[in-house]
PDB file of N, CA and C in Angstrom:
ATOM      1  N   UNK A   1      73.629 121.769  72.875  1.00  0.00           N
ATOM      2  CA  UNK A   1      72.236 121.491  72.580  1.00  0.00           C
ATOM      3  C   UNK A   1      71.497 122.805  72.373  1.00  0.00           C
ATOM      4  N   UNK A   2      71.606 123.327  71.191  1.00  0.00           N
ATOM      5  CA  UNK A   2      71.045 124.646  70.912  1.00  0.00           C
ATOM      6  C   UNK A   2      69.526 124.635  70.723  1.00  0.00           C
ATOM      7  N   UNK A   3      68.926 123.461  70.574  1.00  0.00           N
ATOM      8  CA  UNK A   3      67.473 123.379  70.382  1.00  0.00           C
ATOM      9  C   UNK A   3      66.755 122.792  71.596  1.00  0.00           C
ATOM     10  N   UNK A   4      67.414 122.777  72.746  1.00  0.00           N
ATOM     11  CA  UNK A   4      66.787 122.255  73.966  1.00  0.00           C
ATOM     12  C   UNK A   4      65.517 123.050  74.261  1.00  0.00           C
ATOM     13  N   UNK A   5      64.469 122.354  74.666  1.00  0.00           N
ATOM     14  CA  UNK A   5      63.155 122.951  74.968  1.00  0.00           C
ATOM     15  C   UNK A   5      62.441 123.499  73.734  1.00  0.00           C
ATOM     16  N   UNK A   6      62.851 123.080  72.555  1.00  0.00           N
ATOM     17  CA  UNK A   6      62.183 123.466  71.303  1.00  0.00           C
ATOM     18  C   UNK A   6      61.520 122.237  70.705  1.00  0.00           C
ATOM     19  N   UNK A   7      60.520 122.460  69.857  1.00  0.00           N
ATOM     20  CA  UNK A   7      59.825 121.375  69.161  1.00  0.00           C
ATOM     21  C   UNK A   7      60.002 121.577  67.658  1.00  0.00           C
ATOM     22  N   UNK A   8      60.398 120.520  66.966  1.00  0.00           N
ATOM     23  CA  UNK A   8      60.558 120.558  65.513  1.00  0.00           C
ATOM     24  C   UNK A   8      59.553 119.602  64.882  1.00  0.00           C
ATOM     25  N   UNK A   9      58.802 120.087  63.901  1.00  0.00           N
ATOM     26  CA  UNK A   9      57.889 119.248  63.132  1.00  0.00           C
ATOM     27  C   UNK A   9      58.564 118.990  61.796  1.00  0.00           C
ATOM     28  N   UNK A  10      58.861 117.718  61.520  1.00  0.00           N
ATOM     29  CA  UNK A  10      59.583 117.371  60.295  1.00  0.00           C
ATOM     30  C   UNK A  10      58.702 116.451  59.455  1.00  0.00           C
ATOM     31  N   UNK A  11      58.321 116.920  58.278  1.00  0.00           N
ATOM     32  CA  UNK A  11      57.519 116.093  57.378  1.00  0.00           C
ATOM     33  C   UNK A  11      58.431 115.209  56.538  1.00  0.00           C
ATOM     34  N   UNK A  12      57.906 114.071  56.128  1.00  0.00           N
ATOM     35  CA  UNK A  12      58.698 113.140  55.323  1.00  0.00           C
ATOM     36  C   UNK A  12      59.860 112.553  56.092  1.00  0.00           C
ATOM     37  N   UNK A  13      59.693 112.395  57.404  1.00  0.00           N
ATOM     38  CA  UNK A  13      60.829 111.997  58.233  1.00  0.00           C
ATOM     39  C   UNK A  13      60.951 110.501  58.484  1.00  0.00           C
ATOM     40  N   UNK A  14      60.275 109.692  57.695  1.00  0.00           N
ATOM     41  CA  UNK A  14      60.447 108.240  57.849  1.00  0.00           C
ATOM     42  C   UNK A  14      61.678 107.730  57.100  1.00  0.00           C
ATOM     43  N   UNK A  15      62.193 108.518  56.179  1.00  0.00           N
ATOM     44  CA  UNK A  15      63.387 108.106  55.428  1.00  0.00           C
ATOM     45  C   UNK A  15      63.995 109.306  54.693  1.00  0.00           C
ATOM     46  N   UNK A  16      65.158 109.103  54.150  1.00  0.00           N
ATOM     47  CA  UNK A  16      65.811 110.113  53.314  1.00  0.00           C
ATOM     48  C   UNK A  16      66.203 111.387  54.048  1.00  0.00           C
ATOM     49  N   UNK A  17      66.099 112.512  53.344  1.00  0.00           N
ATOM     50  CA  UNK A  17      66.507 113.803  53.887  1.00  0.00           C
ATOM     51  C   UNK A  17      65.657 114.183  55.098  1.00  0.00           C
ATOM     52  N   UNK A  18      64.360 113.902  55.052  1.00  0.00           N
ATOM     53  CA  UNK A  18      63.497 114.206  56.186  1.00  0.00           C
ATOM     54  C   UNK A  18      63.950 113.502  57.454  1.00  0.00           C
ATOM     55  N   UNK A  19      64.332 112.239  57.324  1.00  0.00           N
ATOM     56  CA  UNK A  19      64.826 111.474  58.470  1.00  0.00           C
ATOM     57  C   UNK A  19      66.133 112.071  58.980  1.00  0.00           C
ATOM     58  N   UNK A  20      67.027 112.423  58.063  1.00  0.00           N
ATOM     59  CA  UNK A  20      68.305 113.014  58.455  1.00  0.00           C
ATOM     60  C   UNK A  20      68.090 114.331  59.205  1.00  0.00           C
ATOM     61  N   UNK A  21      67.147 115.133  58.745  1.00  0.00           N
ATOM     62  CA  UNK A  21      66.843 116.400  59.416  1.00  0.00           C
ATOM     63  C   UNK A  21      66.270 116.132  60.815  1.00  0.00           C
ATOM     64  N   UNK A  22      65.345 115.170  60.925  1.00  0.00           N
ATOM     65  CA  UNK A  22      64.755 114.829  62.224  1.00  0.00           C
ATOM     66  C   UNK A  22      65.833 114.378  63.207  1.00  0.00           C
ATOM     67  N   UNK A  23      66.747 113.541  62.760  1.00  0.00           N
ATOM     68  CA  UNK A  23      67.830 113.065  63.621  1.00  0.00           C
ATOM     69  C   UNK A  23      68.764 114.209  64.022  1.00  0.00           C
ATOM     70  N   UNK A  24      69.035 115.122  63.096  1.00  0.00           N
ATOM     71  CA  UNK A  24      69.894 116.269  63.403  1.00  0.00           C
ATOM     72  C   UNK A  24      69.246 117.170  64.457  1.00  0.00           C
ATOM     73  N   UNK A  25      67.947 117.428  64.315  1.00  0.00           N
ATOM     74  CA  UNK A  25      67.241 118.228  65.319  1.00  0.00           C
ATOM     75  C   UNK A  25      67.288 117.544  66.684  1.00  0.00           C
ATOM     76  N   UNK A  26      67.084 116.227  66.699  1.00  0.00           N
ATOM     77  CA  UNK A  26      67.103 115.472  67.956  1.00  0.00           C
ATOM     78  C   UNK A  26      68.474 115.544  68.614  1.00  0.00           C
ATOM     79  N   UNK A  27      69.537 115.442  67.817  1.00  0.00           N
ATOM     80  CA  UNK A  27      70.902 115.524  68.368  1.00  0.00           C
ATOM     81  C   UNK A  27      71.160 116.875  69.021  1.00  0.00           C
ATOM     82  N   UNK A  28      70.475 117.895  68.543  1.00  0.00           N
ATOM     83  CA  UNK A  28      70.632 119.247  69.099  1.00  0.00           C
ATOM     84  C   UNK A  28      69.655 119.537  70.227  1.00  0.00           C
ATOM     85  N   UNK A  29      68.881 118.513  70.644  1.00  0.00           N
ATOM     86  CA  UNK A  29      68.045 118.650  71.820  1.00  0.00           C
ATOM     87  C   UNK A  29      66.570 118.912  71.590  1.00  0.00           C
ATOM     88  N   UNK A  30      66.140 119.029  70.351  1.00  0.00           N
ATOM     89  CA  UNK A  30      64.728 119.305  70.067  1.00  0.00           C
ATOM     90  C   UNK A  30      63.872 118.058  70.279  1.00  0.00           C
ATOM     91  N   UNK A  31      62.633 118.292  70.692  1.00  0.00           N
ATOM     92  CA  UNK A  31      61.619 117.241  70.655  1.00  0.00           C
ATOM     93  C   UNK A  31      61.127 117.217  69.217  1.00  0.00           C
ATOM     94  N   UNK A  32      61.071 116.047  68.608  1.00  0.00           N
ATOM     95  CA  UNK A  32      60.761 115.964  67.178  1.00  0.00           C
ATOM     96  C   UNK A  32      59.404 115.311  66.952  1.00  0.00           C
ATOM     97  N   UNK A  33      58.557 115.997  66.189  1.00  0.00           N
ATOM     98  CA  UNK A  33      57.309 115.430  65.703  1.00  0.00           C
ATOM     99  C   UNK A  33      57.629 114.824  64.342  1.00  0.00           C
ATOM    100  N   UNK A  34      57.528 113.504  64.244  1.00  0.00           N
ATOM    101  CA  UNK A  34      57.859 112.791  63.011  1.00  0.00           C
ATOM    102  C   UNK A  34      56.575 112.629  62.212  1.00  0.00           C
ATOM    103  N   UNK A  35      56.458 113.362  61.128  1.00  0.00           N
ATOM    104  CA  UNK A  35      55.246 113.315  60.306  1.00  0.00           C
ATOM    105  C   UNK A  35      55.567 112.689  58.954  1.00  0.00           C
ATOM    106  N   UNK A  36      54.964 111.532  58.707  1.00  0.00           N
ATOM    107  CA  UNK A  36      55.155 110.842  57.431  1.00  0.00           C
ATOM    108  C   UNK A  36      54.022 109.839  57.265  1.00  0.00           C
ATOM    109  N   UNK A  37      53.867 109.337  56.059  1.00  0.00           N
ATOM    110  CA  UNK A  37      52.766 108.404  55.787  1.00  0.00           C
ATOM    111  C   UNK A  37      53.088 106.958  56.108  1.00  0.00           C
ATOM    112  N   UNK A  38      54.372 106.595  56.146  1.00  0.00           N
ATOM    113  CA  UNK A  38      54.745 105.190  56.295  1.00  0.00           C
ATOM    114  C   UNK A  38      54.821 104.801  57.765  1.00  0.00           C
ATOM    115  N   UNK A  39      53.871 103.938  58.185  1.00  0.00           N
ATOM    116  CA  UNK A  39      53.913 103.479  59.566  1.00  0.00           C
ATOM    117  C   UNK A  39      54.114 101.972  59.689  1.00  0.00           C
ATOM    118  N   UNK A  40      54.012 101.244  58.571  1.00  0.00           N
ATOM    119  CA  UNK A  40      54.234  99.803  58.602  1.00  0.00           C
ATOM    120  C   UNK A  40      55.413  99.430  57.710  1.00  0.00           C
ATOM    121  N   UNK A  41      56.181  98.446  58.181  1.00  0.00           N
ATOM    122  CA  UNK A  41      57.320  97.965  57.393  1.00  0.00           C
ATOM    123  C   UNK A  41      56.842  97.346  56.092  1.00  0.00           C
ATOM    124  N   UNK A  42      57.653  97.508  55.079  1.00  0.00           N
ATOM    125  CA  UNK A  42      57.352  96.935  53.774  1.00  0.00           C
ATOM    126  C   UNK A  42      58.662  96.543  53.117  1.00  0.00           C
ATOM    127  N   UNK A  43      58.625  95.505  52.329  1.00  0.00           N
ATOM    128  CA  UNK A  43      59.859  95.156  51.608  1.00  0.00           C
ATOM    129  C   UNK A  43      60.069  96.077  50.415  1.00  0.00           C
ATOM    130  N   UNK A  44      59.079  96.895  50.091  1.00  0.00           N
ATOM    131  CA  UNK A  44      59.168  97.803  48.951  1.00  0.00           C
ATOM    132  C   UNK A  44      59.576  99.224  49.335  1.00  0.00           C
ATOM    133  N   UNK A  45      59.297  99.612  50.586  1.00  0.00           N
ATOM    134  CA  UNK A  45      59.580 100.981  51.036  1.00  0.00           C
ATOM    135  C   UNK A  45      60.397 100.909  52.318  1.00  0.00           C
ATOM    136  N   UNK A  46      61.532 101.572  52.331  1.00  0.00           N
ATOM    137  CA  UNK A  46      62.393 101.576  53.518  1.00  0.00           C
ATOM    138  C   UNK A  46      61.935 102.631  54.509  1.00  0.00           C
ATOM    139  N   UNK A  47      61.985 102.307  55.789  1.00  0.00           N
ATOM    140  CA  UNK A  47      61.750 103.277  56.842  1.00  0.00           C
ATOM    141  C   UNK A  47      60.306 103.490  57.225  1.00  0.00           C
ATOM    142  N   UNK A  48      60.077 103.659  58.538  1.00  0.00           N
ATOM    143  CA  UNK A  48      58.755 103.976  59.061  1.00  0.00           C
ATOM    144  C   UNK A  48      58.898 105.099  60.088  1.00  0.00           C
ATOM    145  N   UNK A  49      57.771 105.698  60.453  1.00  0.00           N
ATOM    146  CA  UNK A  49      57.818 106.744  61.472  1.00  0.00           C
ATOM    147  C   UNK A  49      58.272 106.167  62.813  1.00  0.00           C
ATOM    148  N   UNK A  50      57.942 104.905  63.066  1.00  0.00           N
ATOM    149  CA  UNK A  50      58.326 104.274  64.328  1.00  0.00           C
ATOM    150  C   UNK A  50      59.818 103.957  64.371  1.00  0.00           C
ATOM    151  N   UNK A  51      60.400 103.574  63.246  1.00  0.00           N
ATOM    152  CA  UNK A  51      61.843 103.318  63.201  1.00  0.00           C
ATOM    153  C   UNK A  51      62.624 104.610  63.455  1.00  0.00           C
ATOM    154  N   UNK A  52      62.164 105.709  62.860  1.00  0.00           N
ATOM    155  CA  UNK A  52      62.824 106.996  63.097  1.00  0.00           C
ATOM    156  C   UNK A  52      62.695 107.381  64.564  1.00  0.00           C
ATOM    157  N   UNK A  53      61.502 107.197  65.139  1.00  0.00           N
ATOM    158  CA  UNK A  53      61.298 107.503  66.561  1.00  0.00           C
ATOM    159  C   UNK A  53      62.215 106.658  67.434  1.00  0.00           C
ATOM    160  N   UNK A  54      62.355 105.377  67.110  1.00  0.00           N
ATOM    161  CA  UNK A  54      63.243 104.501  67.877  1.00  0.00           C
ATOM    162  C   UNK A  54      64.686 104.985  67.827  1.00  0.00           C
ATOM    163  N   UNK A  55      65.131 105.445  66.662  1.00  0.00           N
ATOM    164  CA  UNK A  55      66.501 105.959  66.532  1.00  0.00           C
ATOM    165  C   UNK A  55      66.694 107.211  67.386  1.00  0.00           C
ATOM    166  N   UNK A  56      65.683 108.073  67.391  1.00  0.00           N
ATOM    167  CA  UNK A  56      65.773 109.289  68.210  1.00  0.00           C
ATOM    168  C   UNK A  56      65.772 108.935  69.694  1.00  0.00           C
ATOM    169  N   UNK A  57      64.928 107.986  70.091  1.00  0.00           N
ATOM    170  CA  UNK A  57      64.914 107.557  71.492  1.00  0.00           C
ATOM    171  C   UNK A  57      66.263 106.951  71.878  1.00  0.00           C
ATOM    172  N   UNK A  58      66.891 106.211  70.967  1.00  0.00           N
ATOM    173  CA  UNK A  58      68.202 105.615  71.226  1.00  0.00           C
ATOM    174  C   UNK A  58      69.275 106.683  71.446  1.00  0.00           C
ATOM    175  N   UNK A  59      69.071 107.857  70.840  1.00  0.00           N
ATOM    176  CA  UNK A  59      69.994 108.980  71.035  1.00  0.00           C
ATOM    177  C   UNK A  59      69.721 109.708  72.346  1.00  0.00           C
ATOM    178  N   UNK A  60      68.655 109.296  73.039  1.00  0.00           N
ATOM    179  CA  UNK A  60      68.276 109.973  74.274  1.00  0.00           C
ATOM    180  C   UNK A  60      67.305 111.111  74.054  1.00  0.00           C
ATOM    181  N   UNK A  61      66.757 111.211  72.847  1.00  0.00           N
ATOM    182  CA  UNK A  61      65.837 112.298  72.523  1.00  0.00           C
ATOM    183  C   UNK A  61      64.383 111.920  72.679  1.00  0.00           C
ATOM    184  N   UNK A  62      63.511 112.898  72.431  1.00  0.00           N
ATOM    185  CA  UNK A  62      62.063 112.682  72.483  1.00  0.00           C
ATOM    186  C   UNK A  62      61.509 112.813  71.077  1.00  0.00           C
ATOM    187  N   UNK A  63      60.642 111.873  70.708  1.00  0.00           N
ATOM    188  CA  UNK A  63      60.047 111.880  69.372  1.00  0.00           C
ATOM    189  C   UNK A  63      58.605 111.397  69.458  1.00  0.00           C
ATOM    190  N   UNK A  64      57.754 112.001  68.656  1.00  0.00           N
ATOM    191  CA  UNK A  64      56.349 111.632  68.595  1.00  0.00           C
ATOM    192  C   UNK A  64      55.978 111.384  67.136  1.00  0.00           C
ATOM    193  N   UNK A  65      55.817 110.123  66.737  1.00  0.00           N
ATOM    194  CA  UNK A  65      55.454 109.837  65.345  1.00  0.00           C
ATOM    195  C   UNK A  65      53.965 110.069  65.093  1.00  0.00           C
ATOM    196  N   UNK A  66      53.656 110.771  64.022  1.00  0.00           N
ATOM    197  CA  UNK A  66      52.267 110.942  63.610  1.00  0.00           C
ATOM    198  C   UNK A  66      52.154 110.619  62.127  1.00  0.00           C
ATOM    199  N   UNK A  67      51.005 110.118  61.742  1.00  0.00           N
ATOM    200  CA  UNK A  67      50.747 109.802  60.338  1.00  0.00           C
ATOM    201  C   UNK A  67      49.552 110.625  59.885  1.00  0.00           C
ATOM    202  N   UNK A  68      49.780 111.635  59.042  1.00  0.00           N
ATOM    203  CA  UNK A  68      48.662 112.442  58.552  1.00  0.00           C
ATOM    204  C   UNK A  68      47.696 111.590  57.719  1.00  0.00           C
ATOM    205  N   UNK A  69      46.422 111.839  57.887  1.00  0.00           N
ATOM    206  CA  UNK A  69      45.373 111.185  57.121  1.00  0.00           C
ATOM    207  C   UNK A  69      44.612 112.241  56.326  1.00  0.00           C
ATOM    208  N   UNK A  70      43.655 111.800  55.575  1.00  0.00           N
ATOM    209  CA  UNK A  70      42.808 112.739  54.863  1.00  0.00           C
ATOM    210  C   UNK A  70      41.877 113.441  55.844  1.00  0.00           C
ATOM    211  N   UNK A  71      41.297 114.525  55.445  1.00  0.00           N
ATOM    212  CA  UNK A  71      40.300 115.276  56.209  1.00  0.00           C
ATOM    213  C   UNK A  71      40.824 115.824  57.528  1.00  0.00           C
ATOM    214  N   UNK A  72      42.116 116.091  57.613  1.00  0.00           N
ATOM    215  CA  UNK A  72      42.667 116.754  58.775  1.00  0.00           C
ATOM    216  C   UNK A  72      42.859 115.894  60.011  1.00  0.00           C
ATOM    217  N   UNK A  73      42.781 114.583  59.894  1.00  0.00           N
ATOM    218  CA  UNK A  73      42.982 113.715  61.063  1.00  0.00           C
ATOM    219  C   UNK A  73      44.392 113.158  61.039  1.00  0.00           C
ATOM    220  N   UNK A  74      44.929 112.895  62.209  1.00  0.00           N
ATOM    221  CA  UNK A  74      46.247 112.268  62.296  1.00  0.00           C
ATOM    222  C   UNK A  74      46.170 111.074  63.227  1.00  0.00           C
ATOM    223  N   UNK A  75      47.054 110.133  63.020  1.00  0.00           N
ATOM    224  CA  UNK A  75      47.206 108.966  63.870  1.00  0.00           C
ATOM    225  C   UNK A  75      48.409 109.263  64.753  1.00  0.00           C
ATOM    226  N   UNK A  76      48.241 109.297  66.059  1.00  0.00           N
ATOM    227  CA  UNK A  76      49.314 109.693  66.950  1.00  0.00           C
ATOM    228  C   UNK A  76      49.746 108.515  67.797  1.00  0.00           C
ATOM    229  N   UNK A  77      51.043 108.263  67.845  1.00  0.00           N
ATOM    230  CA  UNK A  77      51.588 107.238  68.730  1.00  0.00           C
ATOM    231  C   UNK A  77      52.375 107.946  69.817  1.00  0.00           C
ATOM    232  N   UNK A  78      51.976 107.795  71.052  1.00  0.00           N
ATOM    233  CA  UNK A  78      52.625 108.493  72.162  1.00  0.00           C
ATOM    234  C   UNK A  78      53.910 107.832  72.610  1.00  0.00           C
ATOM    235  N   UNK A  79      54.569 108.462  73.588  1.00  0.00           N
ATOM    236  CA  UNK A  79      55.836 107.983  74.121  1.00  0.00           C
ATOM    237  C   UNK A  79      55.770 106.520  74.533  1.00  0.00           C
ATOM    238  N   UNK A  80      54.707 106.125  75.219  1.00  0.00           N
ATOM    239  CA  UNK A  80      54.619 104.769  75.721  1.00  0.00           C
ATOM    240  C   UNK A  80      54.073 103.784  74.715  1.00  0.00           C
ATOM    241  N   UNK A  81      53.912 104.180  73.469  1.00  0.00           N
ATOM    242  CA  UNK A  81      53.426 103.289  72.440  1.00  0.00           C
ATOM    243  C   UNK A  81      51.911 103.263  72.328  1.00  0.00           C
ATOM    244  N   UNK A  82      51.216 104.060  73.173  1.00  0.00           N
ATOM    245  CA  UNK A  82      49.778 104.064  73.040  1.00  0.00           C
ATOM    246  C   UNK A  82      49.378 104.796  71.768  1.00  0.00           C
ATOM    247  N   UNK A  83      48.347 104.311  71.125  1.00  0.00           N
ATOM    248  CA  UNK A  83      47.922 104.900  69.856  1.00  0.00           C
ATOM    249  C   UNK A  83      46.490 105.373  69.973  1.00  0.00           C
ATOM    250  N   UNK A  84      46.244 106.531  69.447  1.00  0.00           N
ATOM    251  CA  UNK A  84      44.880 107.062  69.423  1.00  0.00           C
ATOM    252  C   UNK A  84      44.740 107.960  68.211  1.00  0.00           C
ATOM    253  N   UNK A  85      43.542 108.339  67.902  1.00  0.00           N
ATOM    254  CA  UNK A  85      43.310 109.266  66.799  1.00  0.00           C
ATOM    255  C   UNK A  85      43.087 110.654  67.353  1.00  0.00           C
ATOM    256  N   UNK A  86      43.772 111.616  66.794  1.00  0.00           N
ATOM    257  CA  UNK A  86      43.586 113.016  67.167  1.00  0.00           C
ATOM    258  C   UNK A  86      43.078 113.731  65.924  1.00  0.00           C
ATOM    259  N   UNK A  87      42.067 114.495  66.082  1.00  0.00           N
ATOM    260  CA  UNK A  87      41.512 115.227  64.959  1.00  0.00           C
ATOM    261  C   UNK A  87      41.869 116.693  65.083  1.00  0.00           C
ATOM    262  N   UNK A  88      42.418 117.235  64.046  1.00  0.00           N
ATOM    263  CA  UNK A  88      42.832 118.624  64.055  1.00  0.00           C
ATOM    264  C   UNK A  88      41.680 119.525  63.622  1.00  0.00           C
ATOM    265  N   UNK A  89      41.518 120.594  64.342  1.00  0.00           N
ATOM    266  CA  UNK A  89      40.450 121.548  63.992  1.00  0.00           C
ATOM    267  C   UNK A  89      40.853 122.273  62.719  1.00  0.00           C
ATOM    268  N   UNK A  90      39.891 122.435  61.843  1.00  0.00           N
ATOM    269  CA  UNK A  90      40.152 123.167  60.602  1.00  0.00           C
ATOM    270  C   UNK A  90      39.981 124.658  60.850  1.00  0.00           C
ATOM    271  N   UNK A  91      40.750 125.435  60.168  1.00  0.00           N
ATOM    272  CA  UNK A  91      40.621 126.885  60.290  1.00  0.00           C
ATOM    273  C   UNK A  91      39.281 127.362  59.748  1.00  0.00           C
ATOM    274  N   UNK A  92      38.787 128.357  60.388  1.00  0.00           N
ATOM    275  CA  UNK A  92      37.543 129.023  59.963  1.00  0.00           C
ATOM    276  C   UNK A  92      36.344 128.073  59.894  1.00  0.00           C
ATOM    277  N   UNK A  93      36.388 127.032  60.662  1.00  0.00           N
ATOM    278  CA  UNK A  93      35.256 126.096  60.678  1.00  0.00           C
ATOM    279  C   UNK A  93      34.194 126.634  61.620  1.00  0.00           C
ATOM    280  N   UNK A  94      32.954 126.686  61.184  1.00  0.00           N
ATOM    281  CA  UNK A  94      31.854 127.211  62.008  1.00  0.00           C
ATOM    282  C   UNK A  94      30.772 126.208  62.136  1.00  0.00           C
TER     283      UNK A  94
END
């Protein structure tokens, strides 16, 4: 576990290469921040941030799914499934 006690932020990790990278980091011990736009299941689009998080949890890893929004806000789902909005501070904002 070469990434134990490290945090990896992986964008586009609800499916495809991003998901594969997130799972690889988790297998190596990293806590993974899953950042992608897809949070609800659809018959048109495969994969959600929650499905990726569930797979990482099944591996015994830690994962935190977030969905970036416009204007610097993100939707954060915590370990226990609680959901809240976190707003990121913009650089050089006065």
